[in-house]
């Protein structure tokens, strides 16, 4: 297996990323790259999938894949159970990093910054447009807690379905959105011979500083 892994390689040849192609702030470039990913990545790949990294109170890192649900000049928004493992980690250490990878485009974007909860109104607005099953699931699942087996989860789901049989589920108080307030965004474009293009944006005060990093 070691030899097989060592032999796995792919040369990146699609295109480059020059300073002339990049704006002075990162969000419009992210929007452009994301639009390209939506058009290019083939199902079942989800172009808004990203790896979110958090750190717990003991300094141990944790990663998982989530779906991005909003991006604007304020930052990058995702939703979760506030009582989950990631919720407790963000409560103890409100900083995170996220990585987007779009293999068809040979592109990667890394984002780092502080995380805050979005408003209750924003969480409720998104919750109401989720499919009914997802809304019921947010109430039914004690996310990240140990359960005995699948039957226990299905029992909790059945109880919740009966509870909301005659009414629409409201947004649970333990569920809502987070916004990562970007302080650093790096755009990576694969290039031949592993000499990749890396443009790094860092927020200094209210201005973005753009610089090229060696691959």
N, C-alpha and C. Protein backbone atom coordinates (compact mmCIF):
# COMPACT_ATOMS: atom_id res chain seq x y z
N UNK A 1 0.82 -1.21 0.00
CA UNK A 1 0.00 0.00 0.00
C UNK A 1 0.85 1.26 0.00
N UNK A 2 1.97 1.23 0.75
CA UNK A 2 2.83 2.41 0.81
C UNK A 2 3.34 2.78 -0.57
N UNK A 3 3.77 1.77 -1.33
CA UNK A 3 4.27 2.04 -2.67
C UNK A 3 3.16 2.58 -3.56
N UNK A 4 1.96 2.04 -3.42
CA UNK A 4 0.84 2.51 -4.22
C UNK A 4 0.53 3.98 -3.92
N UNK A 5 0.52 4.35 -2.65
CA UNK A 5 0.26 5.73 -2.29
C UNK A 5 1.37 6.65 -2.80
N UNK A 6 2.60 6.19 -2.72
CA UNK A 6 3.72 7.00 -3.18
C UNK A 6 3.63 7.28 -4.67
N UNK A 7 3.05 6.33 -5.41
CA UNK A 7 2.95 6.49 -6.86
C UNK A 7 1.75 7.31 -7.29
N UNK A 8 0.86 7.63 -6.36
CA UNK A 8 -0.33 8.39 -6.72
C UNK A 8 0.04 9.86 -6.89
N UNK A 9 -0.13 10.36 -8.09
CA UNK A 9 0.13 11.77 -8.33
C UNK A 9 -0.64 12.23 -9.56
N UNK A 10 -0.92 13.51 -9.56
CA UNK A 10 -1.62 14.11 -10.70
C UNK A 10 -0.98 15.46 -10.96
N UNK A 11 -0.68 15.74 -12.20
CA UNK A 11 -0.11 17.04 -12.54
C UNK A 11 -1.24 18.00 -12.85
N UNK A 12 -1.14 19.21 -12.34
CA UNK A 12 -2.18 20.21 -12.52
C UNK A 12 -1.82 21.11 -13.69
N UNK A 13 -2.71 21.18 -14.66
CA UNK A 13 -2.37 21.87 -15.90
C UNK A 13 -3.46 22.80 -16.41
N UNK A 14 -4.53 23.00 -15.65
CA UNK A 14 -5.67 23.74 -16.20
C UNK A 14 -5.34 25.20 -16.50
N UNK A 15 -4.91 25.95 -15.48
CA UNK A 15 -4.68 27.38 -15.65
C UNK A 15 -3.91 27.92 -14.47
N UNK A 16 -3.57 29.21 -14.53
CA UNK A 16 -2.84 29.83 -13.44
C UNK A 16 -3.68 30.89 -12.75
N UNK A 17 -3.10 31.49 -11.73
CA UNK A 17 -3.74 32.59 -11.01
C UNK A 17 -2.71 33.69 -10.83
N UNK A 18 -2.87 34.77 -11.56
CA UNK A 18 -1.93 35.89 -11.49
C UNK A 18 -2.54 37.04 -10.70
N UNK A 19 -1.70 37.94 -10.28
CA UNK A 19 -2.18 39.13 -9.57
C UNK A 19 -3.10 39.96 -10.46
N UNK A 20 -2.85 39.94 -11.77
CA UNK A 20 -3.69 40.71 -12.69
C UNK A 20 -5.12 40.16 -12.75
N UNK A 21 -5.28 38.89 -12.43
CA UNK A 21 -6.61 38.27 -12.43
C UNK A 21 -7.33 38.44 -11.11
N UNK A 22 -6.63 38.89 -10.08
CA UNK A 22 -7.18 38.89 -8.72
C UNK A 22 -7.50 40.31 -8.27
N UNK A 23 -8.68 40.52 -7.68
CA UNK A 23 -9.04 41.85 -7.15
C UNK A 23 -8.24 42.16 -5.88
N UNK A 24 -8.38 43.36 -5.38
CA UNK A 24 -7.65 43.77 -4.19
C UNK A 24 -8.29 43.26 -2.91
N UNK A 25 -9.55 42.79 -3.00
CA UNK A 25 -10.21 42.16 -1.85
C UNK A 25 -10.65 40.76 -2.25
N UNK A 26 -10.80 39.84 -1.29
CA UNK A 26 -10.96 38.43 -1.65
C UNK A 26 -12.38 37.96 -1.94
N UNK A 27 -13.40 38.67 -1.48
CA UNK A 27 -14.74 38.11 -1.55
C UNK A 27 -15.27 37.99 -2.99
N UNK A 28 -14.96 38.96 -3.83
CA UNK A 28 -15.43 38.87 -5.22
C UNK A 28 -14.72 37.74 -5.95
N UNK A 29 -13.45 37.47 -5.61
CA UNK A 29 -12.76 36.34 -6.22
C UNK A 29 -13.36 35.03 -5.74
N UNK A 30 -13.70 34.94 -4.45
CA UNK A 30 -14.36 33.73 -3.96
C UNK A 30 -15.69 33.51 -4.68
N UNK A 31 -16.47 34.56 -4.83
CA UNK A 31 -17.76 34.43 -5.52
C UNK A 31 -17.56 33.94 -6.95
N UNK A 32 -16.54 34.44 -7.63
CA UNK A 32 -16.27 34.02 -9.00
C UNK A 32 -15.85 32.55 -9.04
N UNK A 33 -14.95 32.16 -8.13
CA UNK A 33 -14.51 30.76 -8.10
C UNK A 33 -15.65 29.83 -7.71
N UNK A 34 -16.48 30.28 -6.78
CA UNK A 34 -17.60 29.42 -6.37
C UNK A 34 -18.57 29.23 -7.54
N UNK A 35 -18.84 30.28 -8.29
CA UNK A 35 -19.72 30.16 -9.46
C UNK A 35 -19.12 29.20 -10.47
N UNK A 36 -17.81 29.24 -10.65
CA UNK A 36 -17.15 28.28 -11.55
C UNK A 36 -17.34 26.86 -11.03
N UNK A 37 -17.21 26.67 -9.72
CA UNK A 37 -17.36 25.33 -9.13
C UNK A 37 -18.77 24.80 -9.32
N UNK A 38 -19.77 25.67 -9.15
CA UNK A 38 -21.16 25.24 -9.34
C UNK A 38 -21.38 24.76 -10.77
N UNK A 39 -20.75 25.43 -11.73
CA UNK A 39 -20.93 25.05 -13.14
C UNK A 39 -20.10 23.82 -13.53
N UNK A 40 -19.00 23.60 -12.84
CA UNK A 40 -18.02 22.61 -13.30
C UNK A 40 -18.07 21.30 -12.54
N UNK A 41 -18.20 21.35 -11.21
CA UNK A 41 -18.16 20.12 -10.43
C UNK A 41 -19.39 19.25 -10.75
N UNK A 42 -19.16 17.98 -10.91
CA UNK A 42 -20.22 17.06 -11.28
C UNK A 42 -20.84 16.42 -10.04
N UNK A 43 -22.16 16.22 -10.09
CA UNK A 43 -22.85 15.52 -9.00
C UNK A 43 -22.26 14.11 -8.86
N UNK A 44 -22.16 13.54 -7.65
CA UNK A 44 -22.75 14.02 -6.41
C UNK A 44 -21.91 15.00 -5.61
N UNK A 45 -20.84 15.54 -6.21
CA UNK A 45 -20.01 16.51 -5.50
C UNK A 45 -20.84 17.74 -5.17
N UNK A 46 -20.71 18.23 -3.95
CA UNK A 46 -21.41 19.44 -3.53
C UNK A 46 -20.41 20.59 -3.48
N UNK A 47 -20.51 21.56 -4.38
CA UNK A 47 -19.50 22.63 -4.44
C UNK A 47 -19.43 23.48 -3.18
N UNK A 48 -20.51 23.48 -2.37
CA UNK A 48 -20.49 24.27 -1.15
C UNK A 48 -20.01 23.47 0.06
N UNK A 49 -19.54 22.24 -0.18
CA UNK A 49 -18.98 21.45 0.91
C UNK A 49 -17.62 22.01 1.30
N UNK A 50 -17.36 22.06 2.59
CA UNK A 50 -16.07 22.56 3.08
C UNK A 50 -15.71 21.84 4.36
N UNK A 51 -14.41 21.74 4.60
CA UNK A 51 -13.92 21.17 5.84
C UNK A 51 -13.77 22.27 6.87
N UNK A 52 -14.42 22.09 8.02
CA UNK A 52 -14.35 23.07 9.10
C UNK A 52 -13.47 22.53 10.21
N UNK A 53 -12.47 23.29 10.60
CA UNK A 53 -11.56 22.90 11.68
C UNK A 53 -11.80 23.80 12.89
N UNK A 54 -11.96 23.17 14.05
CA UNK A 54 -12.11 23.89 15.31
C UNK A 54 -11.12 23.31 16.31
N UNK A 55 -10.96 24.01 17.44
CA UNK A 55 -10.04 23.57 18.49
C UNK A 55 -10.80 23.57 19.80
N UNK A 56 -10.65 22.48 20.57
CA UNK A 56 -11.39 22.39 21.83
C UNK A 56 -10.63 23.09 22.96
N UNK A 57 -11.19 23.04 24.17
CA UNK A 57 -10.61 23.74 25.31
C UNK A 57 -9.24 23.20 25.70
N UNK A 58 -8.92 21.97 25.28
CA UNK A 58 -7.62 21.36 25.57
C UNK A 58 -6.61 21.59 24.46
N UNK A 59 -6.99 22.36 23.45
CA UNK A 59 -6.08 22.64 22.35
C UNK A 59 -6.01 21.57 21.29
N UNK A 60 -6.93 20.62 21.31
CA UNK A 60 -6.94 19.55 20.31
C UNK A 60 -7.81 19.95 19.11
N UNK A 61 -7.29 19.77 17.90
CA UNK A 61 -8.05 20.15 16.71
C UNK A 61 -9.07 19.09 16.32
N UNK A 62 -10.13 19.53 15.67
CA UNK A 62 -11.19 18.64 15.17
C UNK A 62 -11.62 19.14 13.80
N UNK A 63 -11.87 18.20 12.88
CA UNK A 63 -12.30 18.55 11.52
C UNK A 63 -13.54 17.75 11.14
N UNK A 64 -14.36 18.36 10.31
CA UNK A 64 -15.51 17.67 9.73
C UNK A 64 -15.96 18.45 8.49
N UNK A 65 -16.73 17.78 7.63
CA UNK A 65 -17.21 18.42 6.41
C UNK A 65 -18.62 18.96 6.66
N UNK A 66 -18.82 20.23 6.33
CA UNK A 66 -20.12 20.89 6.44
C UNK A 66 -20.47 21.54 5.11
N UNK A 67 -21.66 22.13 5.04
CA UNK A 67 -22.08 22.84 3.85
C UNK A 67 -22.16 24.33 4.13
N UNK A 68 -21.53 25.11 3.28
CA UNK A 68 -21.63 26.56 3.36
C UNK A 68 -23.03 26.99 2.96
N UNK A 69 -23.64 27.89 3.74
CA UNK A 69 -25.00 28.34 3.45
C UNK A 69 -25.12 29.83 3.18
N UNK A 70 -24.00 30.54 3.23
CA UNK A 70 -24.05 31.96 2.92
C UNK A 70 -22.66 32.55 2.90
N UNK A 71 -22.44 33.52 2.02
CA UNK A 71 -21.17 34.26 2.01
C UNK A 71 -21.46 35.67 1.54
N UNK A 72 -20.88 36.63 2.25
CA UNK A 72 -21.01 38.04 1.88
C UNK A 72 -19.80 38.77 2.45
N UNK A 73 -19.82 40.09 2.41
CA UNK A 73 -18.70 40.87 2.89
C UNK A 73 -18.44 40.71 4.37
N UNK A 74 -19.41 40.15 5.11
CA UNK A 74 -19.21 39.91 6.54
C UNK A 74 -18.47 38.60 6.81
N UNK A 75 -18.68 37.61 5.96
CA UNK A 75 -18.00 36.35 6.19
C UNK A 75 -18.76 35.17 5.62
N UNK A 76 -18.48 33.98 6.17
CA UNK A 76 -18.97 32.71 5.65
C UNK A 76 -19.89 32.07 6.69
N UNK A 77 -21.11 31.72 6.29
CA UNK A 77 -22.14 31.27 7.23
C UNK A 77 -22.44 29.78 7.08
N UNK A 78 -22.54 29.10 8.21
CA UNK A 78 -22.97 27.70 8.25
C UNK A 78 -23.87 27.53 9.46
N UNK A 79 -24.57 26.40 9.52
CA UNK A 79 -25.55 26.16 10.58
C UNK A 79 -25.27 24.83 11.27
N UNK A 80 -25.63 24.77 12.56
CA UNK A 80 -25.37 23.55 13.31
C UNK A 80 -26.16 23.57 14.62
N UNK A 81 -26.02 22.48 15.36
CA UNK A 81 -26.55 22.37 16.71
C UNK A 81 -25.57 23.04 17.67
N UNK A 82 -26.03 24.02 18.42
CA UNK A 82 -25.13 24.73 19.33
C UNK A 82 -24.59 23.84 20.45
N UNK A 83 -25.32 22.76 20.75
CA UNK A 83 -24.88 21.84 21.81
C UNK A 83 -23.99 20.72 21.29
N UNK A 84 -23.72 20.70 20.00
CA UNK A 84 -22.89 19.66 19.41
C UNK A 84 -21.44 19.82 19.84
N UNK A 85 -20.60 18.87 19.44
CA UNK A 85 -19.18 18.95 19.77
C UNK A 85 -18.57 20.22 19.18
N UNK A 86 -18.89 20.51 17.91
CA UNK A 86 -18.33 21.71 17.31
C UNK A 86 -18.84 22.97 17.99
N UNK A 87 -20.11 22.94 18.43
CA UNK A 87 -20.67 24.08 19.14
C UNK A 87 -19.94 24.34 20.45
N UNK A 88 -19.63 23.27 21.18
CA UNK A 88 -18.90 23.42 22.43
C UNK A 88 -17.47 23.89 22.19
N UNK A 89 -16.87 23.40 21.11
CA UNK A 89 -15.51 23.84 20.78
C UNK A 89 -15.48 25.32 20.41
N UNK A 90 -16.47 25.76 19.64
CA UNK A 90 -16.51 27.18 19.27
C UNK A 90 -16.83 28.06 20.47
N UNK A 91 -17.57 27.53 21.41
CA UNK A 91 -17.84 28.29 22.64
C UNK A 91 -16.56 28.47 23.45
N UNK A 92 -15.73 27.42 23.50
CA UNK A 92 -14.48 27.49 24.26
C UNK A 92 -13.40 28.27 23.52
N UNK A 93 -13.41 28.18 22.20
CA UNK A 93 -12.37 28.83 21.39
C UNK A 93 -13.01 29.31 20.10
N UNK A 94 -13.48 30.55 20.06
CA UNK A 94 -14.29 31.02 18.92
C UNK A 94 -13.49 31.41 17.69
N UNK A 95 -12.58 30.54 17.29
CA UNK A 95 -11.82 30.72 16.06
C UNK A 95 -11.88 29.42 15.27
N UNK A 96 -11.86 29.54 13.94
CA UNK A 96 -11.97 28.34 13.11
C UNK A 96 -11.30 28.58 11.77
N UNK A 97 -11.14 27.49 11.04
CA UNK A 97 -10.62 27.53 9.67
C UNK A 97 -11.49 26.65 8.81
N UNK A 98 -11.64 27.01 7.56
CA UNK A 98 -12.40 26.19 6.62
C UNK A 98 -11.63 26.07 5.31
N UNK A 99 -11.80 24.93 4.65
CA UNK A 99 -11.13 24.68 3.38
C UNK A 99 -12.14 24.19 2.36
N UNK A 100 -12.13 24.81 1.19
CA UNK A 100 -12.92 24.37 0.04
C UNK A 100 -11.96 23.75 -0.97
N UNK A 101 -12.35 22.61 -1.56
CA UNK A 101 -11.52 21.97 -2.58
C UNK A 101 -12.41 21.60 -3.75
N UNK A 102 -12.05 22.13 -4.93
CA UNK A 102 -12.79 21.87 -6.16
C UNK A 102 -11.85 21.17 -7.14
N UNK A 103 -11.79 19.83 -7.09
CA UNK A 103 -10.78 19.10 -7.87
C UNK A 103 -10.91 19.28 -9.37
N UNK A 104 -12.12 19.42 -9.90
CA UNK A 104 -12.26 19.58 -11.35
C UNK A 104 -11.60 20.86 -11.84
N UNK A 105 -11.55 21.85 -10.98
CA UNK A 105 -10.93 23.13 -11.32
C UNK A 105 -9.50 23.24 -10.82
N UNK A 106 -9.06 22.21 -10.08
CA UNK A 106 -7.72 22.21 -9.49
C UNK A 106 -7.54 23.45 -8.60
N UNK A 107 -8.55 23.71 -7.76
CA UNK A 107 -8.53 24.90 -6.91
C UNK A 107 -8.85 24.56 -5.46
N UNK A 108 -8.29 25.35 -4.58
CA UNK A 108 -8.56 25.24 -3.15
C UNK A 108 -8.61 26.64 -2.56
N UNK A 109 -9.50 26.83 -1.59
CA UNK A 109 -9.57 28.10 -0.86
C UNK A 109 -9.55 27.80 0.63
N UNK A 110 -8.68 28.50 1.35
CA UNK A 110 -8.59 28.36 2.80
C UNK A 110 -9.02 29.68 3.44
N UNK A 111 -9.83 29.57 4.51
CA UNK A 111 -10.36 30.74 5.21
C UNK A 111 -10.10 30.58 6.70
N UNK A 112 -9.65 31.64 7.36
CA UNK A 112 -9.40 31.60 8.79
C UNK A 112 -9.98 32.86 9.44
N UNK A 113 -10.45 32.73 10.68
CA UNK A 113 -10.95 33.91 11.37
C UNK A 113 -11.75 33.57 12.60
N UNK A 114 -12.27 34.60 13.22
CA UNK A 114 -13.11 34.44 14.41
C UNK A 114 -14.53 34.06 14.00
N UNK A 115 -15.21 33.32 14.87
CA UNK A 115 -16.56 32.85 14.60
C UNK A 115 -17.53 33.45 15.60
N UNK A 116 -18.68 33.90 15.10
CA UNK A 116 -19.74 34.42 15.97
C UNK A 116 -21.06 33.79 15.55
N UNK A 117 -22.01 33.78 16.45
CA UNK A 117 -23.35 33.31 16.09
C UNK A 117 -24.07 34.39 15.29
N UNK A 118 -24.87 33.96 14.33
CA UNK A 118 -25.71 34.91 13.61
C UNK A 118 -26.92 35.23 14.49
N UNK A 119 -27.70 36.20 14.07
CA UNK A 119 -28.87 36.57 14.86
C UNK A 119 -29.92 35.46 14.86
N UNK A 120 -30.78 35.48 15.88
CA UNK A 120 -31.87 34.50 15.95
C UNK A 120 -32.78 34.63 14.75
N UNK A 121 -33.00 35.86 14.28
CA UNK A 121 -33.86 36.07 13.11
C UNK A 121 -33.26 35.43 11.86
N UNK A 122 -31.95 35.54 11.70
CA UNK A 122 -31.30 34.94 10.54
C UNK A 122 -31.34 33.41 10.61
N UNK A 123 -31.13 32.88 11.81
CA UNK A 123 -31.22 31.42 11.98
C UNK A 123 -32.61 30.93 11.68
N UNK A 124 -33.62 31.64 12.18
CA UNK A 124 -35.01 31.22 11.96
C UNK A 124 -35.37 31.30 10.48
N UNK A 125 -34.91 32.35 9.80
CA UNK A 125 -35.24 32.50 8.38
C UNK A 125 -34.68 31.33 7.57
N UNK A 126 -33.45 30.91 7.87
CA UNK A 126 -32.90 29.77 7.14
C UNK A 126 -33.59 28.48 7.55
N UNK A 127 -33.88 28.32 8.84
CA UNK A 127 -34.51 27.09 9.32
C UNK A 127 -35.83 26.84 8.60
N UNK A 128 -36.59 27.90 8.35
CA UNK A 128 -37.92 27.75 7.76
C UNK A 128 -37.88 27.32 6.30
N UNK A 129 -36.74 27.48 5.61
CA UNK A 129 -36.67 27.06 4.22
C UNK A 129 -36.02 25.67 4.08
N UNK A 130 -35.65 25.06 5.20
CA UNK A 130 -35.11 23.70 5.15
C UNK A 130 -36.25 22.71 4.87
N UNK A 131 -35.93 21.55 4.28
CA UNK A 131 -36.97 20.52 4.11
C UNK A 131 -37.53 20.12 5.47
N UNK A 132 -38.79 19.69 5.46
CA UNK A 132 -39.46 19.33 6.71
C UNK A 132 -38.68 18.27 7.49
N UNK A 133 -38.17 17.28 6.79
CA UNK A 133 -37.42 16.23 7.47
C UNK A 133 -36.20 16.76 8.19
N UNK A 134 -35.52 17.74 7.59
CA UNK A 134 -34.34 18.33 8.23
C UNK A 134 -34.74 19.15 9.45
N UNK A 135 -35.89 19.82 9.37
CA UNK A 135 -36.35 20.61 10.53
C UNK A 135 -36.72 19.69 11.69
N UNK A 136 -37.38 18.60 11.39
CA UNK A 136 -37.74 17.64 12.45
C UNK A 136 -36.48 17.00 13.01
N UNK A 137 -35.52 16.69 12.13
CA UNK A 137 -34.28 16.08 12.58
C UNK A 137 -33.49 16.96 13.52
N UNK A 138 -33.57 18.28 13.32
CA UNK A 138 -32.85 19.21 14.20
C UNK A 138 -33.38 19.13 15.63
N UNK A 139 -34.67 18.85 15.76
CA UNK A 139 -35.27 18.68 17.09
C UNK A 139 -34.99 17.28 17.64
N UNK A 140 -34.96 16.28 16.77
CA UNK A 140 -34.91 14.90 17.23
C UNK A 140 -33.52 14.45 17.65
N UNK A 141 -32.49 14.92 16.95
CA UNK A 141 -31.15 14.37 17.18
C UNK A 141 -30.38 15.13 18.26
N UNK A 142 -29.92 14.44 19.31
CA UNK A 142 -29.03 15.05 20.30
C UNK A 142 -27.60 15.01 19.77
N UNK A 143 -27.31 15.85 18.83
CA UNK A 143 -26.09 15.76 18.03
C UNK A 143 -24.82 15.63 18.87
N UNK A 144 -23.98 14.70 18.48
CA UNK A 144 -22.67 14.40 19.08
C UNK A 144 -22.75 13.62 20.38
N UNK A 145 -23.94 13.41 20.92
CA UNK A 145 -24.06 12.62 22.15
C UNK A 145 -24.09 11.12 21.83
N UNK A 146 -23.63 10.31 22.78
CA UNK A 146 -23.64 8.86 22.60
C UNK A 146 -25.07 8.34 22.69
N UNK A 147 -25.46 7.53 21.71
CA UNK A 147 -26.76 6.86 21.76
C UNK A 147 -26.52 5.36 21.65
N UNK A 148 -27.52 4.59 22.06
CA UNK A 148 -27.34 3.14 22.15
C UNK A 148 -27.24 2.50 20.77
N UNK A 149 -28.13 2.88 19.87
CA UNK A 149 -28.13 2.26 18.55
C UNK A 149 -29.03 3.09 17.62
N UNK A 150 -29.16 2.65 16.40
CA UNK A 150 -30.00 3.35 15.42
C UNK A 150 -31.46 3.37 15.86
N UNK A 151 -31.89 2.31 16.53
CA UNK A 151 -33.28 2.24 16.98
C UNK A 151 -33.61 3.38 17.93
N UNK A 152 -32.65 3.77 18.77
CA UNK A 152 -32.89 4.88 19.68
C UNK A 152 -33.12 6.17 18.91
N UNK A 153 -32.31 6.40 17.88
CA UNK A 153 -32.47 7.60 17.06
C UNK A 153 -33.82 7.59 16.35
N UNK A 154 -34.19 6.45 15.81
CA UNK A 154 -35.48 6.36 15.11
C UNK A 154 -36.65 6.55 16.07
N UNK A 155 -36.47 6.12 17.33
CA UNK A 155 -37.51 6.36 18.33
C UNK A 155 -37.65 7.83 18.64
N UNK A 156 -36.53 8.53 18.76
CA UNK A 156 -36.56 9.98 18.99
C UNK A 156 -37.21 10.70 17.81
N UNK A 157 -36.92 10.21 16.61
CA UNK A 157 -37.52 10.81 15.42
C UNK A 157 -39.03 10.62 15.42
N UNK A 158 -39.48 9.42 15.77
CA UNK A 158 -40.92 9.14 15.80
C UNK A 158 -41.62 10.02 16.83
N UNK A 159 -41.02 10.19 17.99
CA UNK A 159 -41.60 11.07 19.02
C UNK A 159 -41.73 12.50 18.51
N UNK A 160 -40.69 12.96 17.82
CA UNK A 160 -40.69 14.34 17.32
C UNK A 160 -41.71 14.52 16.21
N UNK A 161 -41.85 13.53 15.36
CA UNK A 161 -42.87 13.61 14.30
C UNK A 161 -44.27 13.70 14.88
N UNK A 162 -44.52 12.95 15.96
CA UNK A 162 -45.84 13.04 16.61
C UNK A 162 -46.03 14.42 17.24
N UNK A 163 -44.97 14.96 17.80
CA UNK A 163 -45.05 16.27 18.46
C UNK A 163 -45.45 17.36 17.47
N UNK A 164 -44.91 17.26 16.24
CA UNK A 164 -45.18 18.29 15.24
C UNK A 164 -46.19 17.82 14.18
N UNK A 165 -47.03 16.90 14.56
CA UNK A 165 -48.01 16.36 13.62
C UNK A 165 -48.97 17.44 13.13
N UNK A 166 -49.35 18.35 14.01
CA UNK A 166 -50.35 19.37 13.66
C UNK A 166 -49.78 20.78 13.65
N UNK A 167 -48.48 20.90 13.68
CA UNK A 167 -47.87 22.24 13.65
C UNK A 167 -46.51 22.18 12.98
N UNK A 168 -46.09 23.29 12.38
CA UNK A 168 -44.79 23.35 11.71
C UNK A 168 -43.70 23.50 12.77
N UNK A 169 -42.60 22.78 12.63
CA UNK A 169 -41.52 22.91 13.61
C UNK A 169 -40.92 24.32 13.60
N UNK A 170 -40.78 24.90 14.76
CA UNK A 170 -40.08 26.18 14.88
C UNK A 170 -38.59 25.91 15.02
N UNK A 171 -37.79 26.96 14.93
CA UNK A 171 -36.35 26.80 15.05
C UNK A 171 -35.99 26.47 16.50
N UNK A 172 -35.31 25.37 16.75
CA UNK A 172 -34.97 25.01 18.14
C UNK A 172 -34.03 26.05 18.76
N UNK A 173 -34.12 26.27 20.06
CA UNK A 173 -33.21 27.22 20.71
C UNK A 173 -31.77 26.76 20.70
N UNK A 174 -31.55 25.45 20.50
CA UNK A 174 -30.19 24.91 20.50
C UNK A 174 -29.61 24.80 19.09
N UNK A 175 -30.24 25.40 18.11
CA UNK A 175 -29.82 25.26 16.72
C UNK A 175 -29.76 26.62 16.07
N UNK A 176 -28.75 26.83 15.22
CA UNK A 176 -28.68 28.11 14.52
C UNK A 176 -27.40 28.28 13.74
N UNK A 177 -27.15 29.50 13.35
CA UNK A 177 -26.05 29.77 12.44
C UNK A 177 -24.82 30.34 13.11
N UNK A 178 -23.71 30.13 12.42
CA UNK A 178 -22.42 30.73 12.78
C UNK A 178 -21.90 31.48 11.56
N UNK A 179 -21.17 32.53 11.82
CA UNK A 179 -20.50 33.25 10.73
C UNK A 179 -19.01 33.36 11.04
N UNK A 180 -18.19 32.84 10.13
CA UNK A 180 -16.76 32.98 10.27
C UNK A 180 -16.37 34.32 9.66
N UNK A 181 -15.86 35.21 10.49
CA UNK A 181 -15.45 36.54 10.05
C UNK A 181 -14.02 36.44 9.54
N UNK A 182 -13.87 36.40 8.24
CA UNK A 182 -12.58 36.08 7.64
C UNK A 182 -11.52 37.14 7.96
N UNK A 183 -10.38 36.67 8.41
CA UNK A 183 -9.21 37.50 8.62
C UNK A 183 -8.11 37.14 7.63
N UNK A 184 -8.23 35.94 7.07
CA UNK A 184 -7.27 35.47 6.08
C UNK A 184 -7.98 34.56 5.09
N UNK A 185 -7.73 34.77 3.80
CA UNK A 185 -8.29 33.91 2.75
C UNK A 185 -7.18 33.65 1.74
N UNK A 186 -6.88 32.37 1.53
CA UNK A 186 -5.84 32.01 0.57
C UNK A 186 -6.45 31.26 -0.61
N UNK A 187 -6.10 31.70 -1.81
CA UNK A 187 -6.56 31.06 -3.04
C UNK A 187 -5.39 30.27 -3.64
N UNK A 188 -5.66 28.98 -3.88
CA UNK A 188 -4.64 28.06 -4.39
C UNK A 188 -5.09 27.52 -5.73
N UNK A 189 -4.24 27.71 -6.73
CA UNK A 189 -4.51 27.18 -8.07
C UNK A 189 -3.40 26.20 -8.42
N UNK A 190 -3.79 24.94 -8.69
CA UNK A 190 -2.79 23.94 -9.03
C UNK A 190 -2.04 24.29 -10.30
N UNK A 191 -0.73 24.05 -10.29
CA UNK A 191 0.11 24.28 -11.47
C UNK A 191 1.04 23.09 -11.68
N UNK A 192 1.63 23.01 -12.83
CA UNK A 192 2.51 21.89 -13.18
C UNK A 192 3.72 21.84 -12.26
N UNK A 193 4.23 20.62 -12.05
CA UNK A 193 5.44 20.36 -11.26
C UNK A 193 5.31 20.83 -9.82
N UNK A 194 4.09 20.91 -9.32
CA UNK A 194 3.81 21.32 -7.94
C UNK A 194 4.22 22.77 -7.66
N UNK A 195 4.43 23.57 -8.71
CA UNK A 195 4.75 24.99 -8.53
C UNK A 195 3.44 25.78 -8.58
N UNK A 196 2.58 25.55 -7.58
CA UNK A 196 1.23 26.09 -7.57
C UNK A 196 1.23 27.60 -7.35
N UNK A 197 0.13 28.22 -7.78
CA UNK A 197 -0.10 29.65 -7.49
C UNK A 197 -0.85 29.76 -6.17
N UNK A 198 -0.36 30.63 -5.28
CA UNK A 198 -1.02 30.87 -3.99
C UNK A 198 -1.08 32.38 -3.76
N UNK A 199 -2.29 32.92 -3.76
CA UNK A 199 -2.50 34.32 -3.43
C UNK A 199 -3.18 34.39 -2.08
N UNK A 200 -2.55 35.10 -1.16
CA UNK A 200 -2.96 35.14 0.24
C UNK A 200 -3.44 36.55 0.59
N UNK A 201 -4.68 36.64 1.08
CA UNK A 201 -5.24 37.92 1.52
C UNK A 201 -5.30 37.93 3.04
N UNK A 202 -4.80 39.00 3.66
CA UNK A 202 -4.86 39.14 5.11
C UNK A 202 -5.46 40.49 5.46
N UNK A 203 -6.38 40.47 6.40
CA UNK A 203 -7.06 41.70 6.80
C UNK A 203 -6.20 42.44 7.82
N UNK A 204 -5.87 43.66 7.49
CA UNK A 204 -5.11 44.53 8.40
C UNK A 204 -5.91 45.80 8.60
N UNK A 205 -6.49 45.92 9.81
CA UNK A 205 -7.42 47.03 10.04
C UNK A 205 -8.67 46.80 9.23
N UNK A 206 -8.97 47.72 8.33
CA UNK A 206 -10.13 47.56 7.46
C UNK A 206 -9.74 47.28 6.02
N UNK A 207 -8.44 47.07 5.78
CA UNK A 207 -7.95 46.86 4.42
C UNK A 207 -7.39 45.45 4.26
N UNK A 208 -7.51 44.93 3.06
CA UNK A 208 -6.95 43.62 2.73
C UNK A 208 -5.58 43.80 2.09
N UNK A 209 -4.62 43.02 2.57
CA UNK A 209 -3.28 43.00 1.99
C UNK A 209 -3.13 41.71 1.21
N UNK A 210 -2.80 41.81 -0.06
CA UNK A 210 -2.65 40.65 -0.93
C UNK A 210 -1.17 40.38 -1.18
N UNK A 211 -0.77 39.11 -1.04
CA UNK A 211 0.61 38.76 -1.29
C UNK A 211 0.68 37.35 -1.86
N UNK A 212 1.74 37.07 -2.57
CA UNK A 212 1.95 35.75 -3.17
C UNK A 212 2.80 34.91 -2.23
N UNK A 213 2.41 33.64 -2.05
CA UNK A 213 3.17 32.71 -1.24
C UNK A 213 3.86 31.69 -2.13
N UNK A 214 5.03 31.26 -1.71
CA UNK A 214 5.72 30.19 -2.44
C UNK A 214 4.94 28.89 -2.28
N UNK A 215 4.90 28.04 -3.29
CA UNK A 215 4.14 26.80 -3.20
C UNK A 215 4.82 25.79 -2.26
